[in-house]
Protein backbone atom coordinates (compact mmCIF):
# COMPACT_ATOMS: atom_id res chain seq x y z
CA MET A 1 -2.09 -0.33 -0.42
CA SER A 2 -2.17 3.35 0.36
CA ILE A 3 -3.27 6.63 -1.16
CA ALA A 4 -0.67 7.95 -3.62
CA ASN A 5 1.37 10.84 -2.30
CA THR A 6 1.12 13.18 -5.28
CA PRO A 7 2.75 16.61 -5.61
CA ALA A 8 0.92 19.91 -5.76
CA ALA A 9 -1.35 20.17 -8.80
CA PRO A 10 -1.28 20.36 -11.72
CA TYR A 11 -0.31 16.85 -12.77
CA PHE A 12 -1.98 14.13 -14.84
CA ALA A 13 -4.01 11.01 -14.07
CA VAL A 14 -4.59 7.94 -16.22
CA ILE A 15 -7.79 6.16 -15.17
CA PHE A 16 -7.96 2.56 -16.37
CA THR A 17 -11.35 0.92 -15.77
CA SER A 18 -11.80 -2.75 -16.65
CA LEU A 19 -14.02 -5.79 -16.61
CA ARG A 20 -12.06 -9.05 -16.35
CA THR A 21 -12.62 -12.37 -18.05
CA ALA A 22 -12.58 -15.57 -15.98
CA ASN A 23 -9.02 -16.31 -17.20
CA ASP A 24 -6.13 -15.70 -14.80
CA LEU A 25 -3.26 -16.93 -16.98
CA GLY A 26 -0.66 -14.94 -15.03
CA TYR A 27 -2.70 -11.76 -14.59
CA GLY A 28 -1.64 -11.20 -10.97
CA SER A 29 2.07 -11.52 -11.63
CA MET A 30 1.85 -9.32 -14.74
CA SER A 31 -0.10 -6.69 -12.83
CA ASP A 32 2.59 -6.62 -10.12
CA ALA A 33 5.37 -6.44 -12.73
CA MET A 34 3.66 -3.54 -14.53
CA ALA A 35 3.21 -1.61 -11.27
CA GLN A 36 6.92 -2.03 -10.51
CA SER A 37 7.93 -1.10 -14.05
CA ALA A 38 5.70 2.00 -14.11
CA ALA A 39 7.21 3.14 -10.80
CA ARG A 40 10.65 3.23 -12.48
CA GLN A 41 9.46 5.39 -15.38
CA PRO A 42 10.48 9.07 -15.50
CA GLY A 43 7.52 11.23 -14.53
CA PHE A 44 5.67 8.52 -12.56
CA LEU A 45 4.10 9.96 -9.39
CA GLY A 46 2.07 7.10 -7.91
CA VAL A 47 -0.76 4.61 -8.37
CA GLU A 48 -4.00 3.55 -6.68
CA SER A 49 -5.98 0.46 -7.58
CA ALA A 50 -9.14 -1.39 -6.52
CA ARG A 51 -10.86 -4.45 -7.94
CA GLU A 52 -14.16 -6.14 -7.33
CA GLU A 53 -16.25 -6.90 -10.39
CA LEU A 54 -15.11 -3.58 -11.84
CA GLY A 55 -11.41 -2.79 -11.63
CA ILE A 56 -10.14 0.78 -11.43
CA THR A 57 -6.48 1.74 -11.51
CA VAL A 58 -5.44 5.38 -11.43
CA SER A 59 -1.81 6.22 -12.15
CA TYR A 60 -0.42 9.73 -11.70
CA TRP A 61 2.13 11.34 -13.97
CA ALA A 62 4.08 14.59 -14.19
CA SER A 63 3.35 15.16 -17.89
CA LEU A 64 1.54 13.95 -20.97
CA GLU A 65 4.96 13.06 -22.43
CA ALA A 66 5.63 10.71 -19.49
CA ILE A 67 2.25 9.03 -20.08
CA SER A 68 3.03 8.60 -23.79
CA ALA A 69 6.45 7.10 -23.01
CA TRP A 70 4.86 4.59 -20.62
CA LYS A 71 2.26 3.65 -23.23
CA ARG A 72 5.11 2.87 -25.68
CA ASP A 73 7.22 0.86 -23.18
CA ALA A 74 7.96 -2.59 -24.69
CA ALA A 75 6.92 -4.61 -21.61
CA HIS A 76 3.78 -2.50 -21.25
CA LEU A 77 2.92 -3.07 -24.92
CA MET A 78 3.22 -6.82 -24.36
CA ALA A 79 0.98 -6.61 -21.26
CA GLN A 80 -1.59 -4.59 -23.23
CA LYS A 81 -1.68 -7.28 -25.93
CA MET A 82 -2.07 -10.05 -23.36
CA GLY A 83 -4.83 -8.06 -21.69
CA ARG A 84 -6.84 -7.80 -24.90
CA GLU A 85 -6.28 -11.49 -25.70
CA ASN A 86 -6.73 -13.03 -22.23
CA TRP A 87 -7.70 -10.86 -19.28
CA TYR A 88 -10.19 -8.16 -20.20
CA ALA A 89 -13.76 -8.43 -21.41
CA ALA A 90 -13.78 -4.63 -21.72
CA TYR A 91 -11.74 -1.64 -20.63
CA LYS A 92 -11.64 2.12 -20.96
CA THR A 93 -8.71 4.50 -20.45
CA ARG A 94 -9.18 8.15 -19.57
CA ILE A 95 -6.43 10.76 -19.28
CA CYS A 96 -7.10 13.83 -17.15
CA ARG A 97 -5.28 16.89 -15.92
CA VAL A 98 -5.59 17.22 -12.15
CA GLU A 99 -6.19 20.89 -11.44
CA ARG A 100 -6.71 20.69 -7.71
CA ASP A 101 -6.56 18.14 -4.91
CA TYR A 102 -7.06 18.16 -1.17
CA GLU A 103 -6.90 15.56 1.56
CA PHE A 104 -7.94 14.46 5.01
CA SER A 105 -6.46 11.91 7.39
CA LEU A 106 -6.93 11.09 11.01
CA PRO A 107 -4.03 12.10 13.26
């Protein structure tokens, strides 16, 4: 895992925060498939994810239209349904416009 290499701002971020149920039922493989599918979508810029008790996934997009298209993707719709039925006790999605970013890394 690495920090997403996003372009110069502005761009958009979708922050998906979740609490999981105890059920796995294919969660890991679906999560991997969705990450690969999102990466093929027009306007996708990158993704960062972390999970302990609370999971946070932030995906970056070039436009609100690209985010809407991903939300309507057939495989993504199926994953959303399975998430509500099997994997998530609760979740929240936030969509933000990134106005500025900056970075640091060791040489």
